Amino acid sequence: MTDLVMMRDVEARYALRGKALRYTVLSPVGTWLGKGALRVLRVREESNAEQGEYVDLVLGYDTYE
């Protein structure tokens, strides 16, 4: 799944269709606007008793202003 890193989130969701996804969007501290595409920074398959199996996606924008 590491081939999804830096892929736009729309493309990653399409590639992972049918799987449960959990998103985390990184942003700098303060008042910033994300600019550009929202991209996948990290992908990890997770499994636990409470949530079952899911794919954890960490996302970030190209730039912030």
C-alpha atoms as a PDB file:
ATOM      1  CA  MET A   1       0.000   0.000   0.000  1.00  0.00           C
ATOM      2  CA  THR A   2       2.969   2.336   0.117  1.00  0.00           C
ATOM      3  CA  ASP A   3       2.334   3.097  -3.565  1.00  0.00           C
ATOM      4  CA  LEU A   4      -0.582   5.296  -2.378  1.00  0.00           C
ATOM      5  CA  VAL A   5       1.753   7.771  -0.645  1.00  0.00           C
ATOM      6  CA  MET A   6       1.580  11.276  -2.202  1.00  0.00           C
ATOM      7  CA  MET A   7      -1.488  10.230  -4.205  1.00  0.00           C
ATOM      8  CA  ARG A   8      -4.436  12.646  -4.111  1.00  0.00           C
ATOM      9  CA  ASP A   9      -7.005  11.575  -1.531  1.00  0.00           C
ATOM     10  CA  VAL A  10      -9.733  11.097  -4.160  1.00  0.00           C
ATOM     11  CA  GLU A  11      -7.548   8.630  -6.050  1.00  0.00           C
ATOM     12  CA  ALA A  12      -6.570   6.825  -2.832  1.00  0.00           C
ATOM     13  CA  ARG A  13     -10.236   6.456  -1.789  1.00  0.00           C
ATOM     14  CA  TYR A  14     -10.985   4.954  -5.201  1.00  0.00           C
ATOM     15  CA  ALA A  15      -8.053   2.520  -4.895  1.00  0.00           C
ATOM     16  CA  LEU A  16      -9.206   1.515  -1.398  1.00  0.00           C
ATOM     17  CA  ARG A  17     -12.931   1.286  -2.173  1.00  0.00           C
ATOM     18  CA  GLY A  18     -14.690  -1.375  -0.160  1.00  0.00           C
ATOM     19  CA  LYS A  19     -12.350  -0.980   2.837  1.00  0.00           C
ATOM     20  CA  ALA A  20     -13.116   0.880   6.044  1.00  0.00           C
ATOM     21  CA  LEU A  21     -11.038   4.092   6.156  1.00  0.00           C
ATOM     22  CA  ARG A  22      -9.964   6.369   9.010  1.00  0.00           C
ATOM     23  CA  TYR A  23      -8.651   9.831   8.119  1.00  0.00           C
ATOM     24  CA  THR A  24      -6.280  12.138   9.963  1.00  0.00           C
ATOM     25  CA  VAL A  25      -5.547  15.496   8.309  1.00  0.00           C
ATOM     26  CA  LEU A  26      -2.324  17.176   9.424  1.00  0.00           C
ATOM     27  CA  SER A  27      -2.203  20.952   9.628  1.00  0.00           C
ATOM     28  CA  PRO A  28       0.233  23.452  11.123  1.00  0.00           C
ATOM     29  CA  VAL A  29      -0.540  25.118  14.447  1.00  0.00           C
ATOM     30  CA  GLY A  30      -2.399  28.399  14.030  1.00  0.00           C
ATOM     31  CA  THR A  31      -4.792  29.773  11.461  1.00  0.00           C
ATOM     32  CA  TRP A  32      -3.764  28.369   8.093  1.00  0.00           C
ATOM     33  CA  LEU A  33      -5.581  27.486   4.915  1.00  0.00           C
ATOM     34  CA  GLY A  34      -4.636  24.338   3.052  1.00  0.00           C
ATOM     35  CA  LYS A  35      -3.772  25.058  -0.567  1.00  0.00           C
ATOM     36  CA  GLY A  36      -3.471  22.617  -3.439  1.00  0.00           C
ATOM     37  CA  ALA A  37      -4.389  18.950  -3.389  1.00  0.00           C
ATOM     38  CA  LEU A  38      -5.055  16.938  -0.255  1.00  0.00           C
ATOM     39  CA  ARG A  39      -2.500  14.113  -0.476  1.00  0.00           C
ATOM     40  CA  VAL A  40      -1.846  10.846   1.342  1.00  0.00           C
ATOM     41  CA  LEU A  41       1.261  11.067   3.544  1.00  0.00           C
ATOM     42  CA  ARG A  42       1.019   7.679   5.267  1.00  0.00           C
ATOM     43  CA  VAL A  43      -1.042   4.507   4.832  1.00  0.00           C
ATOM     44  CA  ARG A  44      -1.263   1.784   7.438  1.00  0.00           C
ATOM     45  CA  GLU A  45      -3.570  -1.209   7.808  1.00  0.00           C
ATOM     46  CA  GLU A  46      -4.895  -1.494  11.360  1.00  0.00           C
ATOM     47  CA  SER A  47      -6.965  -4.009  13.266  1.00  0.00           C
ATOM     48  CA  ASN A  48      -8.411  -3.903  16.761  1.00  0.00           C
ATOM     49  CA  ALA A  49     -11.262  -5.497  18.706  1.00  0.00           C
ATOM     50  CA  GLU A  50     -13.403  -2.342  18.869  1.00  0.00           C
ATOM     51  CA  GLN A  51     -13.193  -1.111  15.257  1.00  0.00           C
ATOM     52  CA  GLY A  52     -12.247  -4.263  13.369  1.00  0.00           C
ATOM     53  CA  GLU A  53     -10.015  -3.946  10.311  1.00  0.00           C
ATOM     54  CA  TYR A  54      -9.513  -0.548   8.672  1.00  0.00           C
ATOM     55  CA  VAL A  55      -6.963   1.480   6.734  1.00  0.00           C
ATOM     56  CA  ASP A  56      -5.511   4.508   8.528  1.00  0.00           C
ATOM     57  CA  LEU A  57      -4.731   7.398   6.147  1.00  0.00           C
ATOM     58  CA  VAL A  58      -2.735  10.460   7.205  1.00  0.00           C
ATOM     59  CA  LEU A  59      -3.334  13.367   4.808  1.00  0.00           C
ATOM     60  CA  GLY A  60      -1.860  16.826   4.250  1.00  0.00           C
ATOM     61  CA  TYR A  61      -2.186  19.639   1.716  1.00  0.00           C
ATOM     62  CA  ASP A  62       0.497  20.590  -0.807  1.00  0.00           C
ATOM     63  CA  THR A  63       1.050  23.960   0.904  1.00  0.00           C
ATOM     64  CA  TYR A  64      -0.478  26.155   3.596  1.00  0.00           C
ATOM     65  CA  GLU A  65      -0.920  29.919   3.713  1.00  0.00           C
END
